[in-house]
Amino acid sequence: MSETLTCTLPLRQWRGERGTYHLVTITGEEAEAFAMHETLSRLEFGSRRGFGSVKVIARIGGTHWKTSVFPQNRDSEWVLLVSKKVMKREDLIEGDELTVELELL
């Protein structure tokens, strides 16, 4: 049985050397759940996935996609990237408050 987390977060923009990215930052109890899921997965399979990421099915509005969330700041924050395709489908802009549903895989 998989666990599903729901949270409302602001969409923010981050500019890097390779381009501009849109993302949400997950903290609090939800971040703790991701950290625990990653730890249990590492214990079960004996290795850590790329960058310690956790696979999820993300849902924003009517759009869902398979992706990963990535740890930041020693697992107290996790980042979900939101693609341009999702932003266009859901008519999103930086600063929007998003209700994000994340099913841990």
Protein backbone atom coordinates (compact mmCIF):
# COMPACT_ATOMS: atom_id res chain seq x y z
CA MET A 1 0.00 0.00 0.00
CA SER A 2 1.43 3.37 -0.95
CA GLU A 3 1.25 6.55 1.07
CA THR A 4 -0.22 9.74 -0.39
CA LEU A 5 0.65 13.20 0.93
CA THR A 6 -1.27 16.38 0.14
CA CYS A 7 0.04 19.88 0.77
CA THR A 8 -0.56 23.43 -0.42
CA LEU A 9 2.65 25.22 -1.42
CA PRO A 10 3.72 28.33 -3.34
CA LEU A 11 5.16 27.83 -6.81
CA ARG A 12 8.52 29.53 -7.00
CA GLN A 13 11.14 30.13 -9.65
CA TRP A 14 14.82 29.25 -9.42
CA ARG A 15 17.38 30.40 -11.98
CA GLY A 16 20.38 28.17 -12.51
CA GLU A 17 23.26 28.00 -14.93
CA ARG A 18 21.27 25.69 -17.21
CA GLY A 19 17.99 27.57 -17.18
CA THR A 20 14.99 28.59 -15.14
CA TYR A 21 13.09 26.03 -13.11
CA HIS A 22 9.75 26.14 -11.32
CA LEU A 23 9.38 24.16 -8.14
CA VAL A 24 7.72 23.73 -4.80
CA THR A 25 9.60 23.13 -1.56
CA ILE A 26 8.14 20.57 0.82
CA THR A 27 8.87 20.91 4.55
CA GLY A 28 7.47 19.78 7.89
CA GLU A 29 5.71 16.45 8.39
CA GLU A 30 5.62 15.78 4.66
CA ALA A 31 9.41 16.19 4.42
CA GLU A 32 9.83 13.82 7.36
CA ALA A 33 7.67 11.26 5.56
CA PHE A 34 9.90 11.49 2.45
CA ALA A 35 13.05 11.12 4.56
CA MET A 36 11.63 8.04 6.30
CA HIS A 37 10.53 6.53 2.97
CA GLU A 38 14.01 7.07 1.50
CA THR A 39 15.68 5.55 4.58
CA LEU A 40 13.46 2.46 4.49
CA SER A 41 14.05 2.07 0.76
CA ARG A 42 17.81 2.31 1.25
CA LEU A 43 17.68 -0.33 3.99
CA GLU A 44 15.56 -2.63 1.82
CA PHE A 45 17.63 -2.32 -1.38
CA GLY A 46 21.05 -1.64 0.12
CA SER A 47 21.78 1.51 -1.86
CA ARG A 48 20.60 5.07 -2.27
CA ARG A 49 18.80 6.26 -5.41
CA GLY A 50 20.28 9.17 -7.36
CA PHE A 51 20.79 12.13 -5.01
CA GLY A 52 18.66 10.31 -2.40
CA SER A 53 15.52 10.99 -4.43
CA VAL A 54 12.12 9.38 -3.86
CA LYS A 55 9.87 8.32 -6.77
CA VAL A 56 6.33 9.73 -6.69
CA ILE A 57 3.24 10.24 -8.77
CA ALA A 58 2.53 13.96 -8.53
CA ARG A 59 -0.89 15.52 -9.11
CA ILE A 60 -1.69 19.20 -9.52
CA GLY A 61 -5.26 19.89 -10.57
CA GLY A 62 -6.19 17.43 -13.31
CA THR A 63 -2.57 16.75 -14.30
CA HIS A 64 -0.55 13.84 -12.93
CA TRP A 65 2.92 12.57 -13.81
CA LYS A 66 5.58 10.17 -12.54
CA THR A 67 8.64 11.98 -11.22
CA SER A 68 10.93 12.21 -8.18
CA VAL A 69 11.34 14.57 -5.27
CA PHE A 70 14.86 15.52 -4.19
CA PRO A 71 16.21 16.19 -0.69
CA GLN A 72 17.64 19.56 0.31
CA ASN A 73 19.15 20.68 3.63
CA ARG A 74 19.77 17.24 5.13
CA ASP A 75 16.33 15.88 4.29
CA SER A 76 14.42 18.66 6.13
CA GLU A 77 13.29 20.04 2.76
CA TRP A 78 12.36 18.24 -0.44
CA VAL A 79 11.95 19.76 -3.89
CA LEU A 80 9.41 18.89 -6.59
CA LEU A 81 10.11 20.36 -10.03
CA VAL A 82 7.05 21.52 -11.99
CA SER A 83 7.57 21.34 -15.75
CA LYS A 84 6.50 23.94 -18.29
CA LYS A 85 4.04 21.41 -19.68
CA VAL A 86 2.28 21.09 -16.31
CA MET A 87 2.35 24.85 -15.79
CA LYS A 88 0.71 25.39 -19.18
CA ARG A 89 -1.95 22.69 -18.68
CA GLU A 90 -2.90 24.05 -15.25
CA ASP A 91 -2.44 27.74 -16.15
CA LEU A 92 0.13 28.32 -13.39
CA ILE A 93 2.48 31.22 -12.74
CA GLU A 94 5.15 31.90 -10.15
CA GLY A 95 3.62 32.69 -6.77
CA ASP A 96 0.48 30.58 -7.26
CA GLU A 97 -0.53 28.46 -4.26
CA LEU A 98 -0.66 24.87 -5.48
CA THR A 99 -2.40 21.91 -3.90
CA VAL A 100 -0.01 19.06 -4.65
CA GLU A 101 -0.82 15.41 -4.10
CA LEU A 102 2.20 13.12 -3.96
CA GLU A 103 1.90 9.34 -3.98
CA LEU A 104 5.09 7.72 -2.74
CA LEU A 105 6.20 4.76 -4.88
